[in-house]
C-alpha cells in the first residue's frame, strides 16, 4: 500500500451520530478524499475496504473544490444467543 493511500486511510471517521442513517440494517463509514487524490488511489483504497472489510459503496459526493466524500456501508450482523 502506498504512503498516499495509507494517509487517506488515516482520515477515515465514523458517520456523525446526529446524521440520519440511510437504513438501520447497515453501518456506515465516511471517507473524505482530498482534491489531489487520483482515481487509481481512490480505487485502490475502496477496493481494499470492500475486499477485507466487506464494505460496499453507498454514495459519492463531489464538492466544488474537487474533494470527494464517500459513504461505504455494510450489513450489521445480528447474532442471537444460543444458550
N, C-alpha and C. Protein backbone atom coordinates (compact mmCIF):
# COMPACT_ATOMS: atom_id res chain seq x y z
N UNK A 1 0.86 -1.17 0.00
CA UNK A 1 0.00 0.00 0.00
C UNK A 1 0.90 1.23 0.00
N UNK A 2 0.62 2.19 -0.89
CA UNK A 2 1.47 3.38 -0.97
C UNK A 2 1.22 4.31 0.21
N UNK A 3 2.15 5.24 0.41
CA UNK A 3 2.04 6.19 1.52
C UNK A 3 0.81 7.08 1.38
N UNK A 4 0.49 7.48 0.12
CA UNK A 4 -0.67 8.34 -0.09
C UNK A 4 -1.96 7.65 0.33
N UNK A 5 -2.10 6.39 -0.04
CA UNK A 5 -3.30 5.64 0.33
C UNK A 5 -3.33 5.42 1.83
N UNK A 6 -2.19 5.15 2.44
CA UNK A 6 -2.13 4.97 3.89
C UNK A 6 -2.56 6.25 4.59
N UNK A 7 -2.14 7.41 4.07
CA UNK A 7 -2.55 8.69 4.64
C UNK A 7 -4.05 8.88 4.52
N UNK A 8 -4.62 8.48 3.39
CA UNK A 8 -6.07 8.59 3.21
C UNK A 8 -6.79 7.70 4.20
N UNK A 9 -6.24 6.52 4.44
CA UNK A 9 -6.88 5.58 5.35
C UNK A 9 -6.92 6.13 6.77
N UNK A 10 -5.95 6.97 7.13
CA UNK A 10 -5.94 7.54 8.47
C UNK A 10 -7.00 8.61 8.64
N UNK A 11 -7.59 9.08 7.55
CA UNK A 11 -8.62 10.11 7.63
C UNK A 11 -10.02 9.53 7.76
N UNK A 12 -10.13 8.25 7.85
CA UNK A 12 -11.44 7.61 7.97
C UNK A 12 -12.05 8.00 9.31
N UNK A 13 -13.31 8.35 9.27
CA UNK A 13 -14.01 8.68 10.50
C UNK A 13 -15.41 8.10 10.44
N UNK A 14 -15.97 7.74 11.57
CA UNK A 14 -17.32 7.18 11.55
C UNK A 14 -18.34 8.25 11.20
N UNK A 15 -19.49 7.83 10.73
CA UNK A 15 -20.57 8.76 10.42
C UNK A 15 -21.00 9.49 11.69
N UNK A 16 -21.46 10.72 11.53
CA UNK A 16 -21.90 11.52 12.67
C UNK A 16 -23.07 10.84 13.37
N UNK A 17 -23.07 10.93 14.70
CA UNK A 17 -24.14 10.32 15.48
C UNK A 17 -25.47 10.99 15.20
N UNK A 18 -25.46 12.30 14.90
CA UNK A 18 -26.69 13.02 14.65
C UNK A 18 -27.23 12.82 13.24
N UNK A 19 -26.41 12.28 12.36
CA UNK A 19 -26.85 12.08 10.98
C UNK A 19 -27.85 10.93 10.91
N UNK A 20 -28.85 11.11 10.07
CA UNK A 20 -29.84 10.06 9.90
C UNK A 20 -29.27 8.99 8.98
N UNK A 21 -29.16 7.77 9.44
CA UNK A 21 -28.61 6.71 8.58
C UNK A 21 -29.61 6.38 7.46
N UNK A 22 -29.09 5.88 6.37
CA UNK A 22 -29.95 5.52 5.25
C UNK A 22 -30.81 4.32 5.59
N UNK A 23 -30.28 3.39 6.35
CA UNK A 23 -31.01 2.18 6.71
C UNK A 23 -30.50 1.69 8.06
N UNK A 24 -31.39 1.27 8.95
CA UNK A 24 -30.93 0.77 10.25
C UNK A 24 -30.25 -0.61 10.16
N UNK A 25 -30.38 -1.28 9.03
CA UNK A 25 -29.77 -2.60 8.86
C UNK A 25 -28.30 -2.53 8.46
N UNK A 26 -27.80 -1.33 8.20
CA UNK A 26 -26.43 -1.15 7.75
C UNK A 26 -25.68 -0.22 8.69
N UNK A 27 -24.36 -0.42 8.76
CA UNK A 27 -23.50 0.56 9.41
C UNK A 27 -22.75 1.30 8.31
N UNK A 28 -22.44 2.56 8.56
CA UNK A 28 -21.85 3.41 7.54
C UNK A 28 -20.49 3.93 7.97
N UNK A 29 -19.66 4.19 6.98
CA UNK A 29 -18.34 4.75 7.20
C UNK A 29 -18.13 5.83 6.14
N UNK A 30 -17.64 6.98 6.55
CA UNK A 30 -17.47 8.11 5.63
C UNK A 30 -15.98 8.38 5.42
N UNK A 31 -15.58 8.46 4.17
CA UNK A 31 -14.22 8.82 3.80
C UNK A 31 -14.25 10.21 3.20
N UNK A 32 -13.27 11.02 3.52
CA UNK A 32 -13.07 12.31 2.85
C UNK A 32 -11.79 12.21 2.05
N UNK A 33 -11.92 12.28 0.74
CA UNK A 33 -10.75 12.19 -0.14
C UNK A 33 -10.39 13.60 -0.61
N UNK A 34 -9.16 14.04 -0.40
CA UNK A 34 -8.76 15.39 -0.80
C UNK A 34 -8.73 15.55 -2.32
N UNK A 35 -8.66 16.78 -2.75
CA UNK A 35 -8.74 17.13 -4.16
C UNK A 35 -7.68 16.45 -5.01
N UNK A 36 -6.48 16.30 -4.52
CA UNK A 36 -5.39 15.75 -5.30
C UNK A 36 -5.38 14.23 -5.43
N UNK A 37 -6.36 13.58 -4.87
CA UNK A 37 -6.40 12.11 -4.91
C UNK A 37 -6.72 11.64 -6.32
N UNK A 38 -5.87 10.79 -6.85
CA UNK A 38 -6.10 10.26 -8.19
C UNK A 38 -7.12 9.14 -8.18
N UNK A 39 -7.63 8.84 -9.35
CA UNK A 39 -8.62 7.76 -9.47
C UNK A 39 -8.04 6.41 -9.05
N UNK A 40 -6.79 6.18 -9.42
CA UNK A 40 -6.16 4.90 -9.08
C UNK A 40 -6.02 4.74 -7.57
N UNK A 41 -5.64 5.82 -6.88
CA UNK A 41 -5.50 5.76 -5.42
C UNK A 41 -6.86 5.55 -4.76
N UNK A 42 -7.87 6.28 -5.22
CA UNK A 42 -9.21 6.13 -4.65
C UNK A 42 -9.73 4.71 -4.90
N UNK A 43 -9.53 4.21 -6.11
CA UNK A 43 -9.98 2.86 -6.44
C UNK A 43 -9.28 1.82 -5.56
N UNK A 44 -7.97 1.99 -5.35
CA UNK A 44 -7.22 1.05 -4.52
C UNK A 44 -7.74 1.05 -3.08
N UNK A 45 -7.98 2.24 -2.54
CA UNK A 45 -8.49 2.36 -1.18
C UNK A 45 -9.86 1.70 -1.04
N UNK A 46 -10.76 1.99 -1.98
CA UNK A 46 -12.11 1.44 -1.91
C UNK A 46 -12.12 -0.06 -2.15
N UNK A 47 -11.24 -0.53 -3.03
CA UNK A 47 -11.14 -1.97 -3.29
C UNK A 47 -10.68 -2.72 -2.05
N UNK A 48 -9.70 -2.17 -1.35
CA UNK A 48 -9.22 -2.82 -0.12
C UNK A 48 -10.30 -2.85 0.95
N UNK A 49 -11.04 -1.76 1.09
CA UNK A 49 -12.12 -1.73 2.08
C UNK A 49 -13.19 -2.76 1.73
N UNK A 50 -13.52 -2.88 0.45
CA UNK A 50 -14.54 -3.83 0.03
C UNK A 50 -14.08 -5.27 0.21
N UNK A 51 -12.82 -5.52 -0.11
CA UNK A 51 -12.31 -6.89 -0.07
C UNK A 51 -12.10 -7.39 1.35
N UNK A 52 -11.49 -6.58 2.19
CA UNK A 52 -11.12 -7.03 3.52
C UNK A 52 -12.14 -6.66 4.59
N UNK A 53 -12.84 -5.56 4.42
CA UNK A 53 -13.79 -5.12 5.43
C UNK A 53 -15.24 -5.39 5.08
N UNK A 54 -15.47 -5.96 3.89
CA UNK A 54 -16.82 -6.28 3.40
C UNK A 54 -17.70 -5.04 3.28
N UNK A 55 -17.10 -3.91 2.94
CA UNK A 55 -17.84 -2.67 2.73
C UNK A 55 -18.27 -2.60 1.28
N UNK A 56 -19.39 -1.92 1.02
CA UNK A 56 -19.83 -1.66 -0.35
C UNK A 56 -20.10 -0.17 -0.50
N UNK A 57 -20.00 0.32 -1.71
CA UNK A 57 -20.16 1.74 -1.99
C UNK A 57 -21.64 2.11 -1.89
N UNK A 58 -21.95 3.11 -1.06
CA UNK A 58 -23.32 3.56 -0.90
C UNK A 58 -23.56 4.89 -1.61
N UNK A 59 -22.59 5.80 -1.54
CA UNK A 59 -22.80 7.14 -2.10
C UNK A 59 -21.46 7.84 -2.29
N UNK A 60 -21.38 8.69 -3.31
CA UNK A 60 -20.21 9.54 -3.54
C UNK A 60 -20.70 10.96 -3.75
N UNK A 61 -20.07 11.91 -3.08
CA UNK A 61 -20.41 13.32 -3.25
C UNK A 61 -19.14 14.06 -3.65
N UNK A 62 -19.20 14.78 -4.77
CA UNK A 62 -18.06 15.54 -5.25
C UNK A 62 -18.33 17.01 -4.94
N UNK A 63 -17.40 17.64 -4.23
CA UNK A 63 -17.59 19.04 -3.84
C UNK A 63 -17.07 19.97 -4.94
N UNK A 64 -17.37 21.25 -4.80
CA UNK A 64 -16.93 22.24 -5.78
C UNK A 64 -15.42 22.32 -5.86
N UNK A 65 -14.74 22.13 -4.77
CA UNK A 65 -13.28 22.21 -4.75
C UNK A 65 -12.59 20.99 -5.34
N UNK A 66 -13.34 19.95 -5.65
CA UNK A 66 -12.75 18.75 -6.24
C UNK A 66 -12.56 17.62 -5.26
N UNK A 67 -12.77 17.88 -3.98
CA UNK A 67 -12.68 16.80 -2.98
C UNK A 67 -13.89 15.89 -3.09
N UNK A 68 -13.76 14.71 -2.56
CA UNK A 68 -14.86 13.74 -2.60
C UNK A 68 -15.15 13.20 -1.22
N UNK A 69 -16.42 12.99 -0.94
CA UNK A 69 -16.83 12.29 0.28
C UNK A 69 -17.48 11.00 -0.18
N UNK A 70 -17.06 9.90 0.41
CA UNK A 70 -17.52 8.58 0.00
C UNK A 70 -18.16 7.91 1.20
N UNK A 71 -19.38 7.40 1.03
CA UNK A 71 -20.07 6.66 2.07
C UNK A 71 -20.00 5.18 1.70
N UNK A 72 -19.48 4.39 2.62
CA UNK A 72 -19.46 2.94 2.47
C UNK A 72 -20.44 2.35 3.47
N UNK A 73 -21.01 1.22 3.14
CA UNK A 73 -21.93 0.58 4.07
C UNK A 73 -21.68 -0.91 4.09
N UNK A 74 -22.06 -1.53 5.21
CA UNK A 74 -22.05 -2.99 5.30
C UNK A 74 -23.17 -3.41 6.23
N UNK A 75 -23.70 -4.56 5.95
CA UNK A 75 -24.83 -5.06 6.72
C UNK A 75 -24.38 -5.41 8.13
N UNK A 76 -25.18 -5.03 9.11
CA UNK A 76 -24.91 -5.34 10.51
C UNK A 76 -25.30 -6.79 10.74
N UNK A 77 -24.37 -7.55 11.29
CA UNK A 77 -24.63 -8.97 11.57
C UNK A 77 -25.20 -9.08 12.97
N UNK A 78 -26.45 -9.42 13.06
CA UNK A 78 -27.10 -9.59 14.36
C UNK A 78 -26.94 -11.05 14.79
N UNK A 79 -26.35 -11.26 15.94
CA UNK A 79 -26.10 -12.61 16.43
C UNK A 79 -27.04 -12.88 17.60
N UNK A 80 -27.76 -13.98 17.50
CA UNK A 80 -28.65 -14.36 18.58
C UNK A 80 -27.94 -15.32 19.52
N UNK A 81 -28.23 -15.18 20.76
CA UNK A 81 -27.63 -16.04 21.76
C UNK A 81 -28.24 -17.44 21.66
N UNK A 82 -27.41 -18.47 21.76
CA UNK A 82 -27.90 -19.84 21.58
C UNK A 82 -28.15 -20.56 22.89
N UNK A 83 -27.70 -20.03 24.00
CA UNK A 83 -27.89 -20.71 25.28
C UNK A 83 -29.07 -20.17 26.03
